[in-house]
């Protein structure tokens, strides 16, 4: 990776009523991702939102 590459290791994930999971977006910081997840969660829908970090090998882990 070089200096011109933007790293977005934080994901916001949404799970719907049927258990299907979707990536909502990728973010540079955990705080930014959490702000988005909290905002979406506060809308009162039944979906579940959470933040995960993408590890160096490209896999995500719940945080």
PDB file of N, CA and C in Angstrom:
ATOM      1  N   UNK A   1       0.853  -1.159   0.000  1.00  0.00           N
ATOM      2  CA  UNK A   1       0.000   0.000   0.000  1.00  0.00           C
ATOM      3  C   UNK A   1       0.905   1.231   0.000  1.00  0.00           C
ATOM      4  N   UNK A   2       0.554   2.235  -0.774  1.00  0.00           N
ATOM      5  CA  UNK A   2       1.335   3.462  -0.777  1.00  0.00           C
ATOM      6  C   UNK A   2       0.557   4.589  -0.113  1.00  0.00           C
ATOM      7  N   UNK A   3       1.194   5.749   0.024  1.00  0.00           N
ATOM      8  CA  UNK A   3       0.570   6.859   0.736  1.00  0.00           C
ATOM      9  C   UNK A   3      -0.679   7.396   0.067  1.00  0.00           C
ATOM     10  N   UNK A   4      -0.852   7.159  -1.235  1.00  0.00           N
ATOM     11  CA  UNK A   4      -2.025   7.679  -1.939  1.00  0.00           C
ATOM     12  C   UNK A   4      -3.240   6.769  -1.800  1.00  0.00           C
ATOM     13  N   UNK A   5      -3.069   5.616  -1.185  1.00  0.00           N
ATOM     14  CA  UNK A   5      -4.168   4.679  -0.997  1.00  0.00           C
ATOM     15  C   UNK A   5      -4.919   5.017   0.287  1.00  0.00           C
ATOM     16  N   UNK A   6      -6.211   5.164   0.189  1.00  0.00           N
ATOM     17  CA  UNK A   6      -7.037   5.448   1.358  1.00  0.00           C
ATOM     18  C   UNK A   6      -7.457   4.133   1.994  1.00  0.00           C
ATOM     19  N   UNK A   7      -7.219   3.998   3.278  1.00  0.00           N
ATOM     20  CA  UNK A   7      -7.584   2.790   3.993  1.00  0.00           C
ATOM     21  C   UNK A   7      -8.913   3.010   4.703  1.00  0.00           C
ATOM     22  N   UNK A   8      -9.844   2.117   4.446  1.00  0.00           N
ATOM     23  CA  UNK A   8     -11.177   2.181   5.082  1.00  0.00           C
ATOM     24  C   UNK A   8     -11.448   0.844   5.772  1.00  0.00           C
ATOM     25  N   UNK A   9     -10.828   0.638   6.931  1.00  0.00           N
ATOM     26  CA  UNK A   9     -10.923  -0.675   7.573  1.00  0.00           C
ATOM     27  C   UNK A   9     -12.178  -0.919   8.400  1.00  0.00           C
ATOM     28  N   UNK A  10     -13.027   0.099   8.582  1.00  0.00           N
ATOM     29  CA  UNK A  10     -14.208  -0.059   9.437  1.00  0.00           C
ATOM     30  C   UNK A  10     -15.469  -0.188   8.594  1.00  0.00           C
ATOM     31  N   UNK A  11     -16.250  -1.225   8.870  1.00  0.00           N
ATOM     32  CA  UNK A  11     -17.492  -1.499   8.151  1.00  0.00           C
ATOM     33  C   UNK A  11     -18.692  -1.254   9.046  1.00  0.00           C
ATOM     34  N   UNK A  12     -19.782  -0.806   8.441  1.00  0.00           N
ATOM     35  CA  UNK A  12     -21.076  -0.810   9.111  1.00  0.00           C
ATOM     36  C   UNK A  12     -21.887  -1.902   8.428  1.00  0.00           C
ATOM     37  N   UNK A  13     -22.393  -2.834   9.221  1.00  0.00           N
ATOM     38  CA  UNK A  13     -23.158  -3.974   8.722  1.00  0.00           C
ATOM     39  C   UNK A  13     -24.599  -3.845   9.197  1.00  0.00           C
ATOM     40  N   UNK A  14     -25.530  -4.206   8.312  1.00  0.00           N
ATOM     41  CA  UNK A  14     -26.954  -4.202   8.662  1.00  0.00           C
ATOM     42  C   UNK A  14     -27.473  -5.623   8.521  1.00  0.00           C
ATOM     43  N   UNK A  15     -28.269  -6.051   9.491  1.00  0.00           N
ATOM     44  CA  UNK A  15     -28.952  -7.341   9.413  1.00  0.00           C
ATOM     45  C   UNK A  15     -30.447  -7.080   9.415  1.00  0.00           C
ATOM     46  N   UNK A  16     -31.140  -7.627   8.416  1.00  0.00           N
ATOM     47  CA  UNK A  16     -32.583  -7.397   8.321  1.00  0.00           C
ATOM     48  C   UNK A  16     -33.360  -8.446   9.105  1.00  0.00           C
ATOM     49  N   UNK A  17     -34.680  -8.346   9.062  1.00  0.00           N
ATOM     50  CA  UNK A  17     -35.558  -9.242   9.821  1.00  0.00           C
ATOM     51  C   UNK A  17     -35.405 -10.704   9.435  1.00  0.00           C
ATOM     52  N   UNK A  18     -34.931 -10.973   8.215  1.00  0.00           N
ATOM     53  CA  UNK A  18     -34.766 -12.340   7.737  1.00  0.00           C
ATOM     54  C   UNK A  18     -33.381 -12.901   8.015  1.00  0.00           C
ATOM     55  N   UNK A  19     -32.527 -12.103   8.642  1.00  0.00           N
ATOM     56  CA  UNK A  19     -31.184 -12.565   8.957  1.00  0.00           C
ATOM     57  C   UNK A  19     -30.161 -12.287   7.869  1.00  0.00           C
ATOM     58  N   UNK A  20     -30.579 -11.630   6.787  1.00  0.00           N
ATOM     59  CA  UNK A  20     -29.653 -11.282   5.716  1.00  0.00           C
ATOM     60  C   UNK A  20     -28.777 -10.125   6.153  1.00  0.00           C
ATOM     61  N   UNK A  21     -27.480 -10.204   5.837  1.00  0.00           N
ATOM     62  CA  UNK A  21     -26.540  -9.160   6.226  1.00  0.00           C
ATOM     63  C   UNK A  21     -26.040  -8.417   4.999  1.00  0.00           C
ATOM     64  N   UNK A  22     -25.881  -7.102   5.161  1.00  0.00           N
ATOM     65  CA  UNK A  22     -25.437  -6.234   4.074  1.00  0.00           C
ATOM     66  C   UNK A  22     -24.402  -5.252   4.590  1.00  0.00           C
ATOM     67  N   UNK A  23     -23.408  -4.973   3.776  1.00  0.00           N
ATOM     68  CA  UNK A  23     -22.444  -3.933   4.118  1.00  0.00           C
ATOM     69  C   UNK A  23     -23.047  -2.591   3.748  1.00  0.00           C
ATOM     70  N   UNK A  24     -23.186  -1.708   4.710  1.00  0.00           N
ATOM     71  CA  UNK A  24     -23.753  -0.380   4.496  1.00  0.00           C
ATOM     72  C   UNK A  24     -22.685   0.559   3.957  1.00  0.00           C
ATOM     73  N   UNK A  25     -21.477   0.483   4.506  1.00  0.00           N
ATOM     74  CA  UNK A  25     -20.402   1.357   4.065  1.00  0.00           C
ATOM     75  C   UNK A  25     -19.101   1.032   4.752  1.00  0.00           C
ATOM     76  N   UNK A  26     -18.025   1.644   4.231  1.00  0.00           N
ATOM     77  CA  UNK A  26     -16.687   1.496   4.794  1.00  0.00           C
ATOM     78  C   UNK A  26     -16.204   2.866   5.232  1.00  0.00           C
ATOM     79  N   UNK A  27     -15.488   2.901   6.361  1.00  0.00           N
ATOM     80  CA  UNK A  27     -15.095   4.166   6.960  1.00  0.00           C
ATOM     81  C   UNK A  27     -13.661   4.102   7.463  1.00  0.00           C
ATOM     82  N   UNK A  28     -13.045   5.266   7.563  1.00  0.00           N
ATOM     83  CA  UNK A  28     -11.638   5.361   7.960  1.00  0.00           C
ATOM     84  C   UNK A  28     -11.439   5.153   9.454  1.00  0.00           C
ATOM     85  N   UNK A  29     -12.409   5.578  10.266  1.00  0.00           N
ATOM     86  CA  UNK A  29     -12.253   5.457  11.718  1.00  0.00           C
ATOM     87  C   UNK A  29     -13.443   4.725  12.330  1.00  0.00           C
ATOM     88  N   UNK A  30     -13.177   4.138  13.485  1.00  0.00           N
ATOM     89  CA  UNK A  30     -14.250   3.457  14.202  1.00  0.00           C
ATOM     90  C   UNK A  30     -15.313   4.462  14.628  1.00  0.00           C
ATOM     91  N   UNK A  31     -14.890   5.646  15.068  1.00  0.00           N
ATOM     92  CA  UNK A  31     -15.839   6.670  15.514  1.00  0.00           C
ATOM     93  C   UNK A  31     -16.788   7.067  14.389  1.00  0.00           C
ATOM     94  N   UNK A  32     -16.257   7.224  13.195  1.00  0.00           N
ATOM     95  CA  UNK A  32     -17.095   7.583  12.046  1.00  0.00           C
ATOM     96  C   UNK A  32     -18.099   6.469  11.739  1.00  0.00           C
ATOM     97  N   UNK A  33     -17.626   5.235  11.741  1.00  0.00           N
ATOM     98  CA  UNK A  33     -18.507   4.092  11.472  1.00  0.00           C
ATOM     99  C   UNK A  33     -19.581   3.971  12.556  1.00  0.00           C
ATOM    100  N   UNK A  34     -19.191   4.151  13.812  1.00  0.00           N
ATOM    101  CA  UNK A  34     -20.153   4.035  14.910  1.00  0.00           C
ATOM    102  C   UNK A  34     -21.207   5.127  14.840  1.00  0.00           C
ATOM    103  N   UNK A  35     -20.801   6.324  14.441  1.00  0.00           N
ATOM    104  CA  UNK A  35     -21.747   7.435  14.297  1.00  0.00           C
ATOM    105  C   UNK A  35     -22.813   7.096  13.251  1.00  0.00           C
ATOM    106  N   UNK A  36     -22.399   6.523  12.140  1.00  0.00           N
ATOM    107  CA  UNK A  36     -23.336   6.119  11.083  1.00  0.00           C
ATOM    108  C   UNK A  36     -24.251   5.007  11.593  1.00  0.00           C
ATOM    109  N   UNK A  37     -23.673   3.983  12.242  1.00  0.00           N
ATOM    110  CA  UNK A  37     -24.474   2.868  12.764  1.00  0.00           C
ATOM    111  C   UNK A  37     -25.498   3.367  13.779  1.00  0.00           C
ATOM    112  N   UNK A  38     -25.077   4.258  14.669  1.00  0.00           N
ATOM    113  CA  UNK A  38     -25.997   4.804  15.677  1.00  0.00           C
ATOM    114  C   UNK A  38     -27.115   5.611  15.022  1.00  0.00           C
ATOM    115  N   UNK A  39     -26.760   6.378  14.010  1.00  0.00           N
ATOM    116  CA  UNK A  39     -27.749   7.187  13.301  1.00  0.00           C
ATOM    117  C   UNK A  39     -28.801   6.305  12.625  1.00  0.00           C
ATOM    118  N   UNK A  40     -28.341   5.254  11.969  1.00  0.00           N
ATOM    119  CA  UNK A  40     -29.268   4.344  11.286  1.00  0.00           C
ATOM    120  C   UNK A  40     -30.111   3.574  12.300  1.00  0.00           C
ATOM    121  N   UNK A  41     -29.492   3.148  13.375  1.00  0.00           N
ATOM    122  CA  UNK A  41     -30.198   2.395  14.409  1.00  0.00           C
ATOM    123  C   UNK A  41     -31.269   3.254  15.079  1.00  0.00           C
ATOM    124  N   UNK A  42     -31.033   4.533  15.183  1.00  0.00           N
ATOM    125  CA  UNK A  42     -31.956   5.444  15.836  1.00  0.00           C
ATOM    126  C   UNK A  42     -33.204   5.766  15.031  1.00  0.00           C
ATOM    127  N   UNK A  43     -33.287   5.270  13.832  1.00  0.00           N
ATOM    128  CA  UNK A  43     -34.451   5.548  12.986  1.00  0.00           C
ATOM    129  C   UNK A  43     -35.675   4.720  13.367  1.00  0.00           C
ATOM    130  N   UNK A  44     -35.501   3.742  14.256  1.00  0.00           N
ATOM    131  CA  UNK A  44     -36.642   2.990  14.758  1.00  0.00           C
ATOM    132  C   UNK A  44     -37.044   1.787  13.933  1.00  0.00           C
ATOM    133  N   UNK A  45     -36.265   1.432  12.915  1.00  0.00           N
ATOM    134  CA  UNK A  45     -36.577   0.233  12.133  1.00  0.00           C
ATOM    135  C   UNK A  45     -36.118  -1.003  12.908  1.00  0.00           C
ATOM    136  N   UNK A  46     -36.539  -2.153  12.455  1.00  0.00           N
ATOM    137  CA  UNK A  46     -36.197  -3.382  13.153  1.00  0.00           C
ATOM    138  C   UNK A  46     -34.831  -3.944  12.748  1.00  0.00           C
ATOM    139  N   UNK A  47     -34.145  -3.312  11.824  1.00  0.00           N
ATOM    140  CA  UNK A  47     -32.839  -3.797  11.416  1.00  0.00           C
ATOM    141  C   UNK A  47     -31.821  -3.580  12.534  1.00  0.00           C
ATOM    142  N   UNK A  48     -30.806  -4.409  12.524  1.00  0.00           N
ATOM    143  CA  UNK A  48     -29.728  -4.327  13.501  1.00  0.00           C
ATOM    144  C   UNK A  48     -28.483  -3.821  12.779  1.00  0.00           C
ATOM    145  N   UNK A  49     -27.784  -2.852  13.358  1.00  0.00           N
ATOM    146  CA  UNK A  49     -26.568  -2.293  12.773  1.00  0.00           C
ATOM    147  C   UNK A  49     -25.409  -2.471  13.736  1.00  0.00           C
ATOM    148  N   UNK A  50     -24.234  -2.789  13.221  1.00  0.00           N
ATOM    149  CA  UNK A  50     -23.041  -2.871  14.046  1.00  0.00           C
ATOM    150  C   UNK A  50     -21.806  -2.543  13.228  1.00  0.00           C
ATOM    151  N   UNK A  51     -20.687  -2.387  13.949  1.00  0.00           N
ATOM    152  CA  UNK A  51     -19.413  -2.011  13.347  1.00  0.00           C
ATOM    153  C   UNK A  51     -18.466  -3.201  13.411  1.00  0.00           C
ATOM    154  N   UNK A  52     -17.749  -3.440  12.313  1.00  0.00           N
ATOM    155  CA  UNK A  52     -16.715  -4.470  12.258  1.00  0.00           C
ATOM    156  C   UNK A  52     -15.462  -3.862  11.655  1.00  0.00           C
ATOM    157  N   UNK A  53     -14.327  -4.417  12.014  1.00  0.00           N
ATOM    158  CA  UNK A  53     -13.050  -3.979  11.444  1.00  0.00           C
ATOM    159  C   UNK A  53     -12.541  -5.047  10.487  1.00  0.00           C
ATOM    160  N   UNK A  54     -12.052  -4.607   9.332  1.00  0.00           N
ATOM    161  CA  UNK A  54     -11.427  -5.514   8.375  1.00  0.00           C
ATOM    162  C   UNK A  54      -9.982  -5.707   8.805  1.00  0.00           C
ATOM    163  N   UNK A  55      -9.586  -6.941   8.968  1.00  0.00           N
ATOM    164  CA  UNK A  55      -8.213  -7.239   9.375  1.00  0.00           C
ATOM    165  C   UNK A  55      -7.248  -7.186   8.205  1.00  0.00           C
ATOM    166  N   UNK A  56      -5.980  -7.365   8.480  1.00  0.00           N
ATOM    167  CA  UNK A  56      -4.954  -7.290   7.444  1.00  0.00           C
ATOM    168  C   UNK A  56      -5.109  -8.344   6.345  1.00  0.00           C
ATOM    169  N   UNK A  57      -5.747  -9.460   6.664  1.00  0.00           N
ATOM    170  CA  UNK A  57      -5.941 -10.508   5.666  1.00  0.00           C
ATOM    171  C   UNK A  57      -7.272 -10.357   4.923  1.00  0.00           C
ATOM    172  N   UNK A  58      -7.998  -9.236   5.168  1.00  0.00           N
ATOM    173  CA  UNK A  58      -9.239  -8.962   4.448  1.00  0.00           C
ATOM    174  C   UNK A  58     -10.491  -9.524   5.081  1.00  0.00           C
ATOM    175  N   UNK A  59     -10.355 -10.202   6.215  1.00  0.00           N
ATOM    176  CA  UNK A  59     -11.543 -10.715   6.890  1.00  0.00           C
ATOM    177  C   UNK A  59     -12.019  -9.712   7.919  1.00  0.00           C
ATOM    178  N   UNK A  60     -13.301  -9.766   8.215  1.00  0.00           N
ATOM    179  CA  UNK A  60     -13.846  -8.835   9.204  1.00  0.00           C
ATOM    180  C   UNK A  60     -14.111  -9.564  10.500  1.00  0.00           C
ATOM    181  N   UNK A  61     -14.117  -8.792  11.572  1.00  0.00           N
ATOM    182  CA  UNK A  61     -14.422  -9.348  12.884  1.00  0.00           C
ATOM    183  C   UNK A  61     -15.336  -8.397  13.609  1.00  0.00           C
ATOM    184  N   UNK A  62     -16.301  -8.935  14.318  1.00  0.00           N
ATOM    185  CA  UNK A  62     -17.242  -8.082  15.066  1.00  0.00           C
ATOM    186  C   UNK A  62     -16.469  -7.323  16.116  1.00  0.00           C
ATOM    187  N   UNK A  63     -16.885  -6.069  16.297  1.00  0.00           N
ATOM    188  CA  UNK A  63     -16.200  -5.225  17.281  1.00  0.00           C
ATOM    189  C   UNK A  63     -17.192  -4.650  18.257  1.00  0.00           C
TER     190      UNK A  63
END
